[in-house]
């Protein structure tokens, strides 16, 4: 005579298969779509911006003139895209001692109540520091696309 535990084990496998089949017969949710064209973000544009900023402002130690120049560029660019730009000055300790630093924020009212926050830094301890500007260049390109 066969042991009934074997039948129970077989029943578990069959029940699992039935559940999997039942869920696979339901309509699947379609893919999410975006209102932007897939090629709206231009990587070459961001790369060119990064190179230009690094070449024009190689010394961007925190609180330096180069750092301030990049902050002014970012502020003007975001304003030209229609963002409400705010610049906030504050004093803080840096590797070079106490310096006046600046934070640039931009807001664009959207269709929903949600928020998207994109953060990047623009200063660099070593010239020309192009890699440190990659986040700033991507931020500006995203701002252009989302504007």
C-alpha atoms as a PDB file:
ATOM      1  CA  UNK A   1       0.000   0.000   0.000  1.00  0.00           C
ATOM      2  CA  UNK A   2       1.205   3.532  -0.776  1.00  0.00           C
ATOM      3  CA  UNK A   3       1.902   6.038   1.941  1.00  0.00           C
ATOM      4  CA  UNK A   4      -0.740   8.883   1.929  1.00  0.00           C
ATOM      5  CA  UNK A   5       1.965  11.479   2.567  1.00  0.00           C
ATOM      6  CA  UNK A   6       3.169  10.967  -1.002  1.00  0.00           C
ATOM      7  CA  UNK A   7      -0.285  11.976  -2.290  1.00  0.00           C
ATOM      8  CA  UNK A   8      -0.272  15.111  -0.135  1.00  0.00           C
ATOM      9  CA  UNK A   9       3.095  16.133  -1.554  1.00  0.00           C
ATOM     10  CA  UNK A  10       1.799  15.612  -5.084  1.00  0.00           C
ATOM     11  CA  UNK A  11      -1.326  17.621  -4.255  1.00  0.00           C
ATOM     12  CA  UNK A  12       0.837  20.607  -3.125  1.00  0.00           C
ATOM     13  CA  UNK A  13       2.682  20.587  -6.461  1.00  0.00           C
ATOM     14  CA  UNK A  14      -0.594  20.421  -8.430  1.00  0.00           C
ATOM     15  CA  UNK A  15      -2.157  23.229  -6.318  1.00  0.00           C
ATOM     16  CA  UNK A  16       0.889  25.432  -6.897  1.00  0.00           C
ATOM     17  CA  UNK A  17       0.701  24.815 -10.645  1.00  0.00           C
ATOM     18  CA  UNK A  18      -3.028  25.712 -10.663  1.00  0.00           C
ATOM     19  CA  UNK A  19      -2.331  28.992  -8.825  1.00  0.00           C
ATOM     20  CA  UNK A  20       0.457  29.922 -11.258  1.00  0.00           C
ATOM     21  CA  UNK A  21      -1.747  29.159 -14.265  1.00  0.00           C
ATOM     22  CA  UNK A  22      -4.678  31.094 -12.780  1.00  0.00           C
ATOM     23  CA  UNK A  23      -2.586  34.237 -12.314  1.00  0.00           C
ATOM     24  CA  UNK A  24      -0.991  33.934 -15.729  1.00  0.00           C
ATOM     25  CA  UNK A  25      -4.397  33.989 -17.427  1.00  0.00           C
ATOM     26  CA  UNK A  26      -5.232  37.472 -16.122  1.00  0.00           C
ATOM     27  CA  UNK A  27      -4.671  40.495 -18.334  1.00  0.00           C
ATOM     28  CA  UNK A  28      -1.234  41.918 -17.740  1.00  0.00           C
ATOM     29  CA  UNK A  29      -0.762  45.609 -17.024  1.00  0.00           C
ATOM     30  CA  UNK A  30       0.649  47.434 -20.014  1.00  0.00           C
ATOM     31  CA  UNK A  31       3.994  49.201 -19.859  1.00  0.00           C
ATOM     32  CA  UNK A  32       4.198  52.655 -18.348  1.00  0.00           C
ATOM     33  CA  UNK A  33       4.551  55.384 -20.904  1.00  0.00           C
ATOM     34  CA  UNK A  34       6.265  58.731 -20.780  1.00  0.00           C
ATOM     35  CA  UNK A  35       5.157  61.946 -22.420  1.00  0.00           C
ATOM     36  CA  UNK A  36       8.748  62.663 -23.485  1.00  0.00           C
ATOM     37  CA  UNK A  37      10.337  61.285 -26.607  1.00  0.00           C
ATOM     38  CA  UNK A  38      12.906  58.573 -25.802  1.00  0.00           C
ATOM     39  CA  UNK A  39      15.696  60.678 -27.252  1.00  0.00           C
ATOM     40  CA  UNK A  40      14.744  63.923 -25.453  1.00  0.00           C
ATOM     41  CA  UNK A  41      17.758  63.717 -23.137  1.00  0.00           C
ATOM     42  CA  UNK A  42      20.886  64.559 -25.098  1.00  0.00           C
ATOM     43  CA  UNK A  43      24.026  63.073 -23.549  1.00  0.00           C
ATOM     44  CA  UNK A  44      26.301  64.915 -25.973  1.00  0.00           C
ATOM     45  CA  UNK A  45      24.739  68.187 -24.863  1.00  0.00           C
ATOM     46  CA  UNK A  46      25.445  67.380 -21.205  1.00  0.00           C
ATOM     47  CA  UNK A  47      29.019  66.328 -22.060  1.00  0.00           C
ATOM     48  CA  UNK A  48      29.641  69.561 -23.972  1.00  0.00           C
ATOM     49  CA  UNK A  49      28.279  71.613 -21.062  1.00  0.00           C
ATOM     50  CA  UNK A  50      30.531  69.739 -18.641  1.00  0.00           C
ATOM     51  CA  UNK A  51      33.599  70.328 -20.812  1.00  0.00           C
ATOM     52  CA  UNK A  52      32.813  73.992 -21.328  1.00  0.00           C
ATOM     53  CA  UNK A  53      32.259  74.660 -17.624  1.00  0.00           C
ATOM     54  CA  UNK A  54      35.462  72.812 -16.675  1.00  0.00           C
ATOM     55  CA  UNK A  55      37.490  74.707 -19.276  1.00  0.00           C
ATOM     56  CA  UNK A  56      36.108  78.140 -18.364  1.00  0.00           C
ATOM     57  CA  UNK A  57      36.276  77.553 -14.582  1.00  0.00           C
ATOM     58  CA  UNK A  58      39.113  75.127 -13.806  1.00  0.00           C
ATOM     59  CA  UNK A  59      39.590  76.338 -10.210  1.00  0.00           C
ATOM     60  CA  UNK A  60      36.332  75.699  -8.355  1.00  0.00           C
ATOM     61  CA  UNK A  61      37.416  75.196  -4.783  1.00  0.00           C
ATOM     62  CA  UNK A  62      34.469  75.701  -2.397  1.00  0.00           C
ATOM     63  CA  UNK A  63      33.666  79.416  -2.154  1.00  0.00           C
ATOM     64  CA  UNK A  64      36.111  80.422  -4.907  1.00  0.00           C
ATOM     65  CA  UNK A  65      35.427  82.784  -7.803  1.00  0.00           C
ATOM     66  CA  UNK A  66      35.186  79.798 -10.165  1.00  0.00           C
ATOM     67  CA  UNK A  67      32.586  78.184  -7.936  1.00  0.00           C
ATOM     68  CA  UNK A  68      30.600  81.435  -7.881  1.00  0.00           C
ATOM     69  CA  UNK A  69      30.862  81.751 -11.682  1.00  0.00           C
ATOM     70  CA  UNK A  70      29.451  78.256 -12.175  1.00  0.00           C
ATOM     71  CA  UNK A  71      26.655  79.045  -9.689  1.00  0.00           C
ATOM     72  CA  UNK A  72      25.791  82.149 -11.723  1.00  0.00           C
ATOM     73  CA  UNK A  73      25.819  80.131 -14.958  1.00  0.00           C
ATOM     74  CA  UNK A  74      23.562  77.422 -13.489  1.00  0.00           C
ATOM     75  CA  UNK A  75      21.204  80.053 -12.065  1.00  0.00           C
ATOM     76  CA  UNK A  76      20.934  81.915 -15.388  1.00  0.00           C
ATOM     77  CA  UNK A  77      20.440  78.693 -17.366  1.00  0.00           C
ATOM     78  CA  UNK A  78      17.668  77.437 -15.071  1.00  0.00           C
ATOM     79  CA  UNK A  79      15.955  80.837 -15.191  1.00  0.00           C
ATOM     80  CA  UNK A  80      16.110  80.798 -19.008  1.00  0.00           C
ATOM     81  CA  UNK A  81      14.275  77.433 -18.949  1.00  0.00           C
ATOM     82  CA  UNK A  82      11.445  79.018 -16.945  1.00  0.00           C
ATOM     83  CA  UNK A  83      12.324  77.804 -13.462  1.00  0.00           C
ATOM     84  CA  UNK A  84      11.900  79.985 -10.385  1.00  0.00           C
ATOM     85  CA  UNK A  85      15.490  80.294  -9.155  1.00  0.00           C
ATOM     86  CA  UNK A  86      16.621  81.136  -5.635  1.00  0.00           C
ATOM     87  CA  UNK A  87      20.216  81.693  -4.515  1.00  0.00           C
ATOM     88  CA  UNK A  88      21.107  81.321  -0.862  1.00  0.00           C
ATOM     89  CA  UNK A  89      24.439  82.471   0.631  1.00  0.00           C
ATOM     90  CA  UNK A  90      25.804  81.024   3.855  1.00  0.00           C
ATOM     91  CA  UNK A  91      29.136  80.697   5.634  1.00  0.00           C
ATOM     92  CA  UNK A  92      30.615  77.304   6.390  1.00  0.00           C
ATOM     93  CA  UNK A  93      33.895  75.570   7.101  1.00  0.00           C
ATOM     94  CA  UNK A  94      35.636  74.125   4.059  1.00  0.00           C
ATOM     95  CA  UNK A  95      39.033  72.549   3.411  1.00  0.00           C
ATOM     96  CA  UNK A  96      40.322  76.103   2.913  1.00  0.00           C
ATOM     97  CA  UNK A  97      38.825  77.422   6.160  1.00  0.00           C
ATOM     98  CA  UNK A  98      35.617  79.451   6.545  1.00  0.00           C
ATOM     99  CA  UNK A  99      34.165  80.485   3.196  1.00  0.00           C
ATOM    100  CA  UNK A 100      30.956  81.994   1.886  1.00  0.00           C
ATOM    101  CA  UNK A 101      29.126  79.317  -0.095  1.00  0.00           C
ATOM    102  CA  UNK A 102      26.086  79.509  -2.323  1.00  0.00           C
ATOM    103  CA  UNK A 103      23.232  77.106  -2.921  1.00  0.00           C
ATOM    104  CA  UNK A 104      21.184  77.443  -6.112  1.00  0.00           C
ATOM    105  CA  UNK A 105      17.667  75.998  -6.053  1.00  0.00           C
ATOM    106  CA  UNK A 106      15.105  75.979  -8.825  1.00  0.00           C
ATOM    107  CA  UNK A 107      11.423  75.100  -8.739  1.00  0.00           C
ATOM    108  CA  UNK A 108       9.008  74.462 -11.569  1.00  0.00           C
ATOM    109  CA  UNK A 109       5.355  73.921 -10.823  1.00  0.00           C
ATOM    110  CA  UNK A 110       4.053  70.728 -12.373  1.00  0.00           C
ATOM    111  CA  UNK A 111       0.727  69.050 -12.956  1.00  0.00           C
ATOM    112  CA  UNK A 112       0.847  66.878  -9.835  1.00  0.00           C
ATOM    113  CA  UNK A 113       1.574  67.479  -6.193  1.00  0.00           C
ATOM    114  CA  UNK A 114       4.622  65.184  -6.211  1.00  0.00           C
ATOM    115  CA  UNK A 115       8.186  66.429  -6.200  1.00  0.00           C
ATOM    116  CA  UNK A 116      11.348  65.460  -8.005  1.00  0.00           C
ATOM    117  CA  UNK A 117      14.603  66.536  -6.414  1.00  0.00           C
ATOM    118  CA  UNK A 118      17.845  66.503  -8.373  1.00  0.00           C
ATOM    119  CA  UNK A 119      21.000  67.471  -6.509  1.00  0.00           C
ATOM    120  CA  UNK A 120      24.535  68.033  -7.772  1.00  0.00           C
ATOM    121  CA  UNK A 121      27.683  69.769  -6.629  1.00  0.00           C
ATOM    122  CA  UNK A 122      29.845  72.044  -8.742  1.00  0.00           C
ATOM    123  CA  UNK A 123      32.988  72.574  -6.664  1.00  0.00           C
ATOM    124  CA  UNK A 124      36.223  70.639  -7.011  1.00  0.00           C
ATOM    125  CA  UNK A 125      39.383  70.409  -4.944  1.00  0.00           C
ATOM    126  CA  UNK A 126      41.589  69.762  -7.975  1.00  0.00           C
ATOM    127  CA  UNK A 127      41.635  71.616 -11.305  1.00  0.00           C
ATOM    128  CA  UNK A 128      40.093  71.160 -13.806  1.00  0.00           C
ATOM    129  CA  UNK A 129      37.715  68.762 -12.033  1.00  0.00           C
ATOM    130  CA  UNK A 130      35.620  67.936 -15.086  1.00  0.00           C
ATOM    131  CA  UNK A 131      34.204  64.767 -13.524  1.00  0.00           C
ATOM    132  CA  UNK A 132      32.790  66.760 -10.623  1.00  0.00           C
ATOM    133  CA  UNK A 133      30.791  68.838 -13.118  1.00  0.00           C
ATOM    134  CA  UNK A 134      29.119  65.794 -14.661  1.00  0.00           C
ATOM    135  CA  UNK A 135      26.236  65.970 -12.166  1.00  0.00           C
ATOM    136  CA  UNK A 136      25.754  69.683 -12.824  1.00  0.00           C
ATOM    137  CA  UNK A 137      25.746  69.129 -16.590  1.00  0.00           C
ATOM    138  CA  UNK A 138      23.196  66.301 -16.287  1.00  0.00           C
ATOM    139  CA  UNK A 139      21.068  68.453 -13.974  1.00  0.00           C
ATOM    140  CA  UNK A 140      21.016  71.253 -16.575  1.00  0.00           C
ATOM    141  CA  UNK A 141      20.134  68.827 -19.369  1.00  0.00           C
ATOM    142  CA  UNK A 142      17.301  67.327 -17.303  1.00  0.00           C
ATOM    143  CA  UNK A 143      16.050  70.845 -16.548  1.00  0.00           C
ATOM    144  CA  UNK A 144      16.075  71.620 -20.286  1.00  0.00           C
ATOM    145  CA  UNK A 145      14.154  68.434 -21.121  1.00  0.00           C
ATOM    146  CA  UNK A 146      11.595  68.877 -18.333  1.00  0.00           C
ATOM    147  CA  UNK A 147      11.055  72.555 -19.097  1.00  0.00           C
END
